[in-house]
Amino acid sequence: MGEILSAYLMPHPPIIIPEVGKGEQRKAQSTIEALETCARHIKDNKPHTVVLITPHGPMFRDAIAVMATPHLTGNFARFGAPGVKMSFENDVELAKAIMDHAERLNIPCIGIDNSVASDYRISTSMDWGALVPLYFVTKQYSDFKLVHITYAPLSYEALYAFGKAIQEAVRACAKDVCVIASGDLSHRLSQDGPYGFHPMGPKLDKEIMAIIESGDVERFFNMAPVMVEEGGECGLRSIIIAMGTLDGYDLHPRVLSYEGPFGVGYGVAIFERGKPDATRLFVERLFERKHQRMQRIRQNEDPYVRLARRSLESYIRTGKIIKSDDNLPREMLENRAGVFVSIKKDGQLRGCIGTIEPTRKNIAEEIIYNAISAGVHDPRFIPVDENELEELVYSVDVLKKPEPVKSIDELDAKRYGVIVRSGHKSGLLLPDLEGVDTPQQQIEIALRKAGIRPNESYTIERFEVERHK
């Protein structure tokens, strides 16, 4: 019977590859030495296959991508080192088994063969999230097949369950496997980092490394969404999948290093598999807690949010548009205003549509029609499916009258939303959005939404909202 032998957290900055860094890699010497330790550990385990989870392959919003081509190849040409190449035989049997077991758990996957890659206009070449860890592994051990997986921004619970599907597929195929969770941590550790500094960056990395060191998997599911969003990580979901591959076993984590020399956090760790432990069977427990959490959200909806949810649910299930209820608060039936309805799924935006000025006879109707539009007509997303309805979280913003401003100094990203206009083009951004901290960011995003170039002449308006969530 095959087993997950061990799992590893391995970061992926191309600069630590000597042919790319050209000396700069020495600034991350602790990370390099820790990765070499992981490689020796994998060599000692001698796995038949390495399963690698990356954030930088072909990512789909609603399905985990599993490479299905017979061979997996890549190089560092985009980083100035085309001569550094790698090629692996894809363990197609295990890849298919992983997708089959995931399907049984209702976790969507897509196999990326040449035909699918052509249809979606994506590359089958390996990304740097895979190449960097494998560069170090192959220096020590290369007698393995590879399974290349790109996670999707699904719920943490679904990602953990996908890890469990990997475990079950490994057993079914009777192959010994090591799992690599490829991922950097916060990209916001210093002002000269990729995304500047944010105080949540160091806090996020401290929390992630503390959870890893403790082996307390359930703490991942209690992390503050704002900290994760504003901390700017890319490795958390890879880690959660890797933890799922060891579900039901005693866990022996070992942190090898942590540093952030280029404004990005690099954590390296080994997760040793211990003995079977029934108290660490988390999948069902996690989904039950998620269900209870959604029930609490539903119980605490106010009339604005409840109406938005009921409107979309009715339309998706019956095709009918509900009518406003006479029992709604008077201000919803007697007042008119622009309204935005936002829908999230697993903390990720699933749709957002609104009106700057009122277009219906009252706020209630504005909510009804905008909720339906947010769910089925937002061009950024495929329409909401009926099986998603129980997982959606709604918020409703009732806009107050916009007022013109002469200077960006009159804005406040937390208090005011912004509207930019140039001729027939206009763009709106709501206030107090995660990851939007300054008026300058608001203006830049609103201009992009409107298709207005920064050097064009445009006007700015500000507005406040009454937010219901």
Protein backbone atom coordinates (compact mmCIF):
# COMPACT_ATOMS: atom_id res chain seq x y z
CA MET A 1 0.00 0.00 0.00
CA GLY A 2 1.34 3.43 -0.95
CA GLU A 3 1.80 6.21 1.60
CA ILE A 4 2.54 9.89 1.86
CA LEU A 5 6.04 9.65 3.28
CA SER A 6 6.45 13.32 4.23
CA ALA A 7 5.57 16.83 3.09
CA TYR A 8 7.63 19.98 2.72
CA LEU A 9 7.11 23.74 2.61
CA MET A 10 9.53 25.11 0.03
CA PRO A 11 9.56 28.73 -1.25
CA HIS A 12 10.23 29.56 -4.89
CA PRO A 13 12.16 32.82 -5.45
CA PRO A 14 14.08 32.42 -8.73
CA ILE A 15 16.78 34.73 -7.39
CA ILE A 16 18.11 31.93 -5.17
CA ILE A 17 19.07 29.91 -8.27
CA PRO A 18 22.78 30.76 -8.76
CA GLU A 19 22.43 31.12 -12.53
CA VAL A 20 19.67 33.67 -11.95
CA GLY A 21 20.85 35.39 -8.77
CA LYS A 22 24.49 35.78 -9.91
CA GLY A 23 25.59 36.37 -6.33
CA GLU A 24 22.40 37.95 -4.98
CA GLN A 25 21.25 34.50 -3.84
CA ARG A 26 23.70 34.71 -0.95
CA LYS A 27 21.31 37.15 0.74
CA ALA A 28 18.98 34.15 1.24
CA GLN A 29 21.62 31.68 2.39
CA SER A 30 19.51 30.33 5.26
CA THR A 31 16.72 29.50 2.80
CA ILE A 32 19.14 27.82 0.40
CA GLU A 33 20.66 25.66 3.13
CA ALA A 34 17.18 24.69 4.39
CA LEU A 35 16.09 23.72 0.87
CA GLU A 36 19.19 21.56 0.56
CA THR A 37 18.17 19.85 3.80
CA CYS A 38 14.72 19.16 2.35
CA ALA A 39 16.33 17.71 -0.77
CA ARG A 40 18.49 15.33 1.28
CA HIS A 41 15.42 14.31 3.27
CA ILE A 42 13.58 13.47 0.05
CA LYS A 43 16.61 11.50 -1.14
CA ASP A 44 16.54 9.46 2.07
CA ASN A 45 12.83 8.72 1.54
CA LYS A 46 13.35 7.68 -2.10
CA PRO A 47 9.76 8.36 -3.24
CA HIS A 48 8.38 6.87 -6.42
CA THR A 49 6.60 10.16 -7.16
CA VAL A 50 6.78 13.76 -6.00
CA VAL A 51 3.47 15.63 -5.89
CA LEU A 52 4.09 19.37 -6.13
CA ILE A 53 1.46 22.04 -5.43
CA THR A 54 2.18 25.48 -6.89
CA PRO A 55 0.39 28.84 -7.04
CA HIS A 56 1.95 29.84 -10.37
CA GLY A 57 0.79 27.24 -12.88
CA PRO A 58 -2.44 27.58 -14.89
CA MET A 59 -4.88 28.77 -12.24
CA PHE A 60 -8.64 28.48 -12.61
CA ARG A 61 -11.05 30.28 -10.32
CA ASP A 62 -13.27 27.25 -9.81
CA ALA A 63 -11.16 24.13 -10.43
CA ILE A 64 -7.81 22.73 -9.33
CA ALA A 65 -5.53 22.21 -12.34
CA VAL A 66 -3.65 18.91 -12.67
CA MET A 67 -1.12 18.57 -15.48
CA ALA A 68 -1.99 15.61 -17.74
CA THR A 69 0.72 15.77 -20.42
CA PRO A 70 3.11 12.76 -20.52
CA HIS A 71 6.18 14.88 -19.87
CA LEU A 72 6.67 18.00 -17.75
CA THR A 73 9.39 20.41 -18.82
CA GLY A 74 10.50 23.93 -18.03
CA ASN A 75 13.41 26.34 -17.82
CA PHE A 76 14.42 29.68 -16.33
CA ALA A 77 14.47 31.60 -19.64
CA ARG A 78 12.13 34.31 -18.32
CA PHE A 79 14.64 34.92 -15.53
CA GLY A 80 17.66 35.17 -17.83
CA ALA A 81 18.90 31.58 -17.47
CA PRO A 82 17.50 29.57 -20.43
CA GLY A 83 20.22 26.97 -20.02
CA VAL A 84 18.82 25.81 -16.68
CA LYS A 85 16.28 23.22 -17.84
CA MET A 86 14.37 20.39 -16.22
CA SER A 87 12.28 17.50 -17.55
CA PHE A 88 10.23 14.89 -15.70
CA GLU A 89 7.97 12.00 -16.54
CA ASN A 90 4.45 12.81 -15.44
CA ASP A 91 2.89 10.16 -13.21
CA VAL A 92 -0.28 10.22 -15.30
CA GLU A 93 -1.77 7.24 -13.45
CA LEU A 94 -1.55 8.99 -10.09
CA ALA A 95 -2.66 12.32 -11.55
CA LYS A 96 -5.83 10.72 -12.90
CA ALA A 97 -6.45 8.88 -9.63
CA ILE A 98 -6.15 12.17 -7.71
CA MET A 99 -8.76 13.78 -9.96
CA ASP A 100 -11.06 10.76 -9.61
CA HIS A 101 -10.85 10.78 -5.81
CA ALA A 102 -11.34 14.56 -5.73
CA GLU A 103 -14.49 14.20 -7.85
CA ARG A 104 -15.92 11.77 -5.28
CA LEU A 105 -15.50 14.52 -2.69
CA ASN A 106 -17.17 17.09 -5.02
CA ILE A 107 -13.93 19.01 -5.46
CA PRO A 108 -13.67 20.32 -9.04
CA CYS A 109 -10.48 19.51 -10.98
CA ILE A 110 -9.40 19.97 -14.57
CA GLY A 111 -6.74 17.91 -16.33
CA ILE A 112 -4.45 20.04 -18.48
CA ASP A 113 -3.41 18.14 -21.59
CA ASN A 114 -2.30 19.76 -24.84
CA SER A 115 -5.87 20.05 -26.12
CA VAL A 116 -7.16 21.79 -22.97
CA ALA A 117 -4.08 24.04 -22.93
CA SER A 118 -4.82 25.06 -26.51
CA ASP A 119 -8.49 25.74 -25.77
CA TYR A 120 -7.63 27.99 -22.82
CA ARG A 121 -4.48 29.43 -24.42
CA ILE A 122 -2.28 28.43 -21.52
CA SER A 123 1.21 26.96 -21.41
CA THR A 124 2.04 23.42 -20.33
CA SER A 125 5.59 24.48 -19.38
CA MET A 126 6.38 24.26 -15.68
CA ASP A 127 6.27 27.50 -13.72
CA TRP A 128 8.90 28.83 -11.34
CA GLY A 129 6.78 27.69 -8.39
CA ALA A 130 7.65 24.16 -9.46
CA LEU A 131 11.09 24.73 -10.97
CA VAL A 132 12.76 26.40 -7.98
CA PRO A 133 12.04 23.65 -5.39
CA LEU A 134 12.78 20.93 -7.96
CA TYR A 135 16.12 22.57 -8.81
CA PHE A 136 17.28 21.79 -5.27
CA VAL A 137 15.63 18.36 -5.10
CA THR A 138 17.25 17.12 -8.31
CA LYS A 139 20.68 18.09 -7.06
CA GLN A 140 20.23 15.25 -4.55
CA TYR A 141 17.66 12.89 -6.04
CA SER A 142 16.08 12.62 -9.48
CA ASP A 143 14.72 9.07 -9.72
CA PHE A 144 11.07 10.02 -9.40
CA LYS A 145 7.99 10.81 -11.44
CA LEU A 146 6.20 14.11 -10.94
CA VAL A 147 2.60 15.25 -10.46
CA HIS A 148 2.17 18.99 -11.00
CA ILE A 149 -0.87 20.64 -9.39
CA THR A 150 -1.95 24.29 -9.37
CA TYR A 151 -4.38 25.09 -6.59
CA ALA A 152 -7.57 27.12 -7.10
CA PRO A 153 -8.91 29.77 -4.71
CA LEU A 154 -11.45 27.36 -3.23
CA SER A 155 -12.39 27.28 0.43
CA TYR A 156 -9.73 26.14 2.87
CA GLU A 157 -11.99 23.23 3.73
CA ALA A 158 -12.16 22.11 0.09
CA LEU A 159 -8.40 22.46 -0.32
CA TYR A 160 -7.75 20.39 2.80
CA ALA A 161 -10.18 17.75 1.52
CA PHE A 162 -8.32 17.78 -1.80
CA GLY A 163 -5.18 16.90 0.16
CA LYS A 164 -7.12 13.98 1.60
CA ALA A 165 -8.04 12.96 -1.97
CA ILE A 166 -4.33 12.92 -2.81
CA GLN A 167 -3.72 10.64 0.18
CA GLU A 168 -6.45 8.23 -0.90
CA ALA A 169 -5.23 8.20 -4.52
CA VAL A 170 -1.69 7.43 -3.35
CA ARG A 171 -2.96 4.45 -1.41
CA ALA A 172 -5.05 3.22 -4.32
CA CYS A 173 -2.06 3.41 -6.68
CA ALA A 174 0.26 1.79 -4.12
CA LYS A 175 3.02 4.35 -4.61
CA ASP A 176 5.18 6.06 -2.01
CA VAL A 177 5.01 9.82 -2.41
CA CYS A 178 6.56 13.00 -1.06
CA VAL A 179 4.53 16.20 -1.26
CA ILE A 180 6.01 19.66 -1.85
CA ALA A 181 3.93 22.70 -0.94
CA SER A 182 5.54 25.42 -3.02
CA GLY A 183 4.85 28.91 -1.74
CA ASP A 184 6.32 32.15 -0.52
CA LEU A 185 4.78 33.90 2.46
CA SER A 186 4.04 37.63 2.74
CA HIS A 187 5.14 39.85 -0.15
CA ARG A 188 4.64 42.95 1.99
CA LEU A 189 7.49 42.83 4.50
CA SER A 190 9.33 45.98 3.45
CA GLN A 191 8.79 49.14 1.45
CA ASP A 192 11.13 47.94 -1.30
CA GLY A 193 9.37 44.56 -1.60
CA PRO A 194 7.10 43.64 -4.53
CA TYR A 195 3.98 45.25 -3.02
CA GLY A 196 5.43 47.65 -0.47
CA PHE A 197 5.06 47.32 3.28
CA HIS A 198 1.92 46.47 5.19
CA PRO A 199 1.86 45.85 8.95
CA MET A 200 -0.20 42.71 8.35
CA GLY A 201 2.71 41.17 6.41
CA PRO A 202 4.98 40.37 9.37
CA LYS A 203 1.97 39.39 11.49
CA LEU A 204 0.79 36.94 8.84
CA ASP A 205 4.18 35.28 8.51
CA LYS A 206 4.56 35.00 12.27
CA GLU A 207 1.15 33.33 12.51
CA ILE A 208 1.75 30.90 9.64
CA MET A 209 5.14 29.80 10.96
CA ALA A 210 3.74 29.43 14.49
CA ILE A 211 0.92 27.21 13.20
CA ILE A 212 3.37 25.09 11.22
CA GLU A 213 5.62 24.69 14.23
CA SER A 214 2.72 23.68 16.47
CA GLY A 215 1.20 21.27 13.95
CA ASP A 216 -2.24 22.59 14.94
CA VAL A 217 -3.92 22.29 11.54
CA GLU A 218 -7.25 23.71 12.71
CA ARG A 219 -5.66 27.08 13.45
CA PHE A 220 -5.32 27.66 9.70
CA PHE A 221 -9.11 27.77 9.47
CA ASN A 222 -9.40 30.45 12.15
CA MET A 223 -6.99 32.95 10.63
CA ALA A 224 -8.38 36.46 10.21
CA PRO A 225 -9.32 36.94 6.52
CA VAL A 226 -8.16 40.56 6.63
CA MET A 227 -4.69 39.49 7.80
CA VAL A 228 -4.43 36.91 5.00
CA GLU A 229 -5.69 39.33 2.34
CA GLU A 230 -3.61 42.31 3.36
CA GLY A 231 -0.56 40.21 4.19
CA GLY A 232 -0.14 39.30 0.52
CA GLU A 233 0.92 35.64 0.66
CA CYS A 234 0.91 33.00 -2.07
CA GLY A 235 1.75 29.80 -0.18
CA LEU A 236 -1.03 29.35 2.37
CA ARG A 237 -3.29 27.24 0.14
CA SER A 238 -0.37 25.02 -0.89
CA ILE A 239 0.35 24.40 2.80
CA ILE A 240 -3.28 23.55 3.57
CA ILE A 241 -3.42 20.99 0.75
CA ALA A 242 -0.16 19.45 2.01
CA MET A 243 -1.63 19.22 5.51
CA GLY A 244 -4.64 17.42 4.06
CA THR A 245 -2.38 14.75 2.55
CA LEU A 246 -1.40 13.84 6.12
CA ASP A 247 -4.93 13.88 7.52
CA GLY A 248 -5.45 11.18 10.14
CA TYR A 249 -1.80 10.91 11.12
CA ASP A 250 0.22 12.28 13.97
CA LEU A 251 2.22 15.17 12.59
CA HIS A 252 5.85 16.00 13.38
CA PRO A 253 6.65 19.41 11.87
CA ARG A 254 10.16 20.82 11.81
CA VAL A 255 10.77 24.46 10.84
CA LEU A 256 14.17 24.74 9.18
CA SER A 257 14.34 28.45 8.43
CA TYR A 258 12.47 31.70 7.97
CA GLU A 259 13.76 34.96 6.50
CA GLY A 260 12.64 37.84 4.30
CA PRO A 261 15.69 39.37 2.62
CA PHE A 262 13.92 40.77 -0.45
CA GLY A 263 10.72 41.98 1.21
CA VAL A 264 9.14 38.51 0.80
CA GLY A 265 8.85 35.87 3.51
CA TYR A 266 10.54 32.53 2.83
CA GLY A 267 9.63 29.68 5.18
CA VAL A 268 11.07 26.18 4.90
CA ALA A 269 9.71 23.22 6.87
CA ILE A 270 9.49 19.43 6.89
CA PHE A 271 6.31 17.62 7.96
CA GLU A 272 7.09 14.09 9.11
CA ARG A 273 4.24 11.56 9.07
CA GLY A 274 3.73 9.83 12.40
CA LYS A 275 1.41 7.02 13.41
CA PRO A 276 -2.29 6.92 12.51
CA ASP A 277 -4.31 9.09 14.90
CA ALA A 278 -8.10 9.11 14.70
CA THR A 279 -8.27 12.43 16.59
CA ARG A 280 -6.58 14.07 13.61
CA LEU A 281 -9.26 13.11 11.07
CA PHE A 282 -10.35 16.66 10.30
CA VAL A 283 -12.22 16.66 6.97
CA GLU A 284 -15.76 16.01 8.19
CA ARG A 285 -15.20 18.16 11.27
CA LEU A 286 -14.04 21.11 9.15
CA PHE A 287 -17.02 20.95 6.78
CA GLU A 288 -19.43 20.72 9.72
CA ARG A 289 -17.88 23.82 11.27
CA LYS A 290 -18.17 25.62 7.94
CA HIS A 291 -21.86 24.68 7.77
CA GLN A 292 -22.41 25.99 11.30
CA ARG A 293 -20.58 29.20 10.40
CA MET A 294 -22.84 29.74 7.38
CA GLN A 295 -25.91 29.09 9.53
CA ARG A 296 -24.80 31.83 11.94
CA ILE A 297 -24.32 34.21 9.02
CA ARG A 298 -27.83 33.50 7.74
CA GLN A 299 -29.33 34.01 11.20
CA ASN A 300 -27.67 37.42 11.51
CA GLU A 301 -28.73 38.83 8.12
CA ASP A 302 -30.57 42.13 8.25
CA PRO A 303 -33.51 42.83 5.86
CA TYR A 304 -31.24 44.34 3.18
CA VAL A 305 -28.90 41.35 3.01
CA ARG A 306 -31.72 38.82 3.37
CA LEU A 307 -33.57 40.38 0.45
CA ALA A 308 -30.45 40.24 -1.74
CA ARG A 309 -29.93 36.57 -0.94
CA ARG A 310 -33.59 35.62 -1.44
CA SER A 311 -33.66 37.47 -4.77
CA LEU A 312 -30.74 35.55 -6.27
CA GLU A 313 -31.78 32.20 -4.79
CA SER A 314 -35.29 32.52 -6.21
CA TYR A 315 -34.03 33.54 -9.62
CA ILE A 316 -31.47 30.71 -9.81
CA ARG A 317 -33.91 28.05 -8.59
CA THR A 318 -37.12 29.13 -10.35
CA GLY A 319 -36.16 31.74 -12.95
CA LYS A 320 -38.58 34.17 -11.28
CA ILE A 321 -37.94 37.67 -9.92
CA ILE A 322 -39.45 38.07 -6.47
CA LYS A 323 -41.51 41.09 -5.50
CA SER A 324 -40.66 43.33 -2.58
CA ASP A 325 -42.41 42.41 0.65
CA ASP A 326 -44.70 44.94 2.37
CA ASN A 327 -43.19 43.82 5.67
CA LEU A 328 -39.81 45.31 4.77
CA PRO A 329 -38.63 48.42 6.66
CA ARG A 330 -40.31 51.59 5.41
CA GLU A 331 -37.05 53.18 4.23
CA MET A 332 -36.53 50.27 1.81
CA LEU A 333 -40.01 50.77 0.31
CA GLU A 334 -40.24 54.57 0.35
CA ASN A 335 -36.69 55.73 -0.41
CA ARG A 336 -34.73 55.60 -3.65
CA ALA A 337 -30.94 55.29 -3.94
CA GLY A 338 -28.17 53.67 -5.89
CA VAL A 339 -27.32 50.24 -4.52
CA PHE A 340 -24.41 47.85 -4.93
CA VAL A 341 -24.75 44.14 -4.12
CA SER A 342 -21.54 42.21 -3.54
CA ILE A 343 -21.33 38.42 -3.34
CA LYS A 344 -18.41 36.44 -1.95
CA LYS A 345 -17.64 32.75 -1.89
CA ASP A 346 -14.94 31.39 0.41
CA GLY A 347 -13.74 34.93 1.01
CA GLN A 348 -13.28 35.61 -2.73
CA LEU A 349 -15.42 38.01 -4.76
CA ARG A 350 -18.06 36.07 -6.76
CA GLY A 351 -19.92 39.00 -8.24
CA CYS A 352 -20.61 42.70 -7.70
CA ILE A 353 -23.08 44.87 -9.61
CA GLY A 354 -24.66 48.16 -8.67
CA THR A 355 -26.19 51.43 -9.70
CA ILE A 356 -24.70 54.85 -8.98
CA GLU A 357 -28.12 56.53 -9.19
CA PRO A 358 -31.51 54.92 -8.47
CA THR A 359 -33.13 53.18 -11.44
CA ARG A 360 -36.06 51.48 -9.68
CA LYS A 361 -39.03 52.73 -7.70
CA ASN A 362 -37.42 52.05 -4.31
CA ILE A 363 -34.36 50.62 -2.56
CA ALA A 364 -35.95 47.19 -2.25
CA GLU A 365 -36.36 46.82 -6.01
CA GLU A 366 -32.87 48.18 -6.54
CA ILE A 367 -31.53 45.39 -4.30
CA ILE A 368 -33.61 42.69 -6.02
CA TYR A 369 -32.43 43.47 -9.54
CA ASN A 370 -28.83 44.22 -8.61
CA ALA A 371 -28.53 41.01 -6.58
CA ILE A 372 -29.64 39.00 -9.61
CA SER A 373 -27.24 40.92 -11.86
CA ALA A 374 -24.35 40.38 -9.44
CA GLY A 375 -25.01 36.64 -9.49
CA VAL A 376 -25.59 36.04 -13.20
CA HIS A 377 -24.50 39.11 -15.21
CA ASP A 378 -21.15 40.21 -13.79
CA PRO A 379 -18.92 39.74 -16.88
CA ARG A 380 -15.91 38.82 -14.72
CA PHE A 381 -17.53 35.59 -13.52
CA ILE A 382 -19.53 32.68 -14.83
CA PRO A 383 -23.15 32.75 -13.57
CA VAL A 384 -23.76 31.38 -10.09
CA ASP A 385 -24.84 27.75 -10.09
CA GLU A 386 -27.56 26.39 -7.80
CA ASN A 387 -25.11 24.17 -5.92
CA GLU A 388 -23.15 27.29 -4.88
CA LEU A 389 -26.03 29.11 -3.22
CA GLU A 390 -25.46 27.73 0.28
CA GLU A 391 -21.87 29.01 0.24
CA LEU A 392 -22.50 32.61 -0.79
CA VAL A 393 -22.18 35.60 1.52
CA TYR A 394 -23.84 38.89 0.58
CA SER A 395 -23.34 42.56 1.39
CA VAL A 396 -25.42 45.54 0.33
CA ASP A 397 -24.16 49.10 0.01
CA VAL A 398 -26.76 51.87 -0.23
CA LEU A 399 -25.09 54.89 -1.80
CA LYS A 400 -25.53 58.38 -0.48
CA LYS A 401 -25.54 61.30 -2.92
CA PRO A 402 -22.12 61.80 -4.57
CA GLU A 403 -20.38 65.14 -4.27
CA PRO A 404 -17.57 66.57 -6.40
CA VAL A 405 -14.08 66.98 -4.97
CA LYS A 406 -11.29 69.23 -6.19
CA SER A 407 -8.36 67.39 -4.63
CA ILE A 408 -7.40 63.88 -3.63
CA ASP A 409 -6.79 65.33 -0.16
CA GLU A 410 -10.57 65.42 0.29
CA LEU A 411 -10.77 61.63 0.04
CA ASP A 412 -10.54 58.93 2.68
CA ALA A 413 -10.34 55.32 1.47
CA LYS A 414 -12.15 53.98 4.53
CA ARG A 415 -14.95 56.55 4.64
CA TYR A 416 -15.58 57.52 1.03
CA GLY A 417 -16.04 55.65 -2.22
CA VAL A 418 -14.96 57.37 -5.42
CA ILE A 419 -16.41 57.94 -8.87
CA VAL A 420 -14.20 59.04 -11.76
CA ARG A 421 -15.70 60.39 -14.99
CA SER A 422 -14.31 61.34 -18.38
CA GLY A 423 -16.85 61.99 -21.12
CA HIS A 424 -19.17 59.00 -21.33
CA LYS A 425 -16.79 56.80 -19.29
CA SER A 426 -17.13 56.38 -15.53
CA GLY A 427 -15.76 54.07 -12.87
CA LEU A 428 -16.82 53.53 -9.27
CA LEU A 429 -15.06 51.99 -6.30
CA LEU A 430 -16.75 51.36 -2.98
CA PRO A 431 -15.11 52.50 0.28
CA ASP A 432 -13.36 50.40 2.89
CA LEU A 433 -12.31 47.50 0.67
CA GLU A 434 -9.73 44.95 1.75
CA GLY A 435 -6.33 45.73 0.28
CA VAL A 436 -7.29 49.26 -0.81
CA ASP A 437 -5.70 51.50 1.79
CA THR A 438 -5.18 54.91 0.15
CA PRO A 439 -7.18 57.34 -2.01
CA GLN A 440 -4.48 57.04 -4.67
CA GLN A 441 -5.14 53.28 -4.91
CA GLN A 442 -8.87 54.00 -5.14
CA ILE A 443 -8.37 56.42 -8.02
CA GLU A 444 -6.04 54.06 -9.90
CA ILE A 445 -8.49 51.14 -9.63
CA ALA A 446 -11.52 53.27 -10.55
CA LEU A 447 -9.68 54.63 -13.62
CA ARG A 448 -8.83 51.11 -14.76
CA LYS A 449 -12.45 50.01 -14.32
CA ALA A 450 -13.62 52.97 -16.39
CA GLY A 451 -10.99 52.52 -19.11
CA ILE A 452 -9.70 56.04 -18.45
CA ARG A 453 -5.98 56.61 -18.91
CA PRO A 454 -4.26 58.39 -16.00
CA ASN A 455 -3.13 61.20 -18.32
CA GLU A 456 -6.69 61.90 -19.49
CA SER A 457 -8.74 64.71 -18.00
CA TYR A 458 -11.26 63.36 -15.50
CA THR A 459 -13.40 64.49 -12.57
CA ILE A 460 -13.62 62.90 -9.14
CA GLU A 461 -16.65 62.53 -6.88
CA ARG A 462 -16.85 61.02 -3.45
CA PHE A 463 -19.74 59.32 -1.70
CA GLU A 464 -20.54 57.58 1.55
CA VAL A 465 -22.44 54.33 1.89
CA GLU A 466 -24.73 52.63 4.35
CA ARG A 467 -23.22 49.16 4.44
CA HIS A 468 -25.19 46.05 5.34
CA LYS A 469 -23.32 42.75 5.69
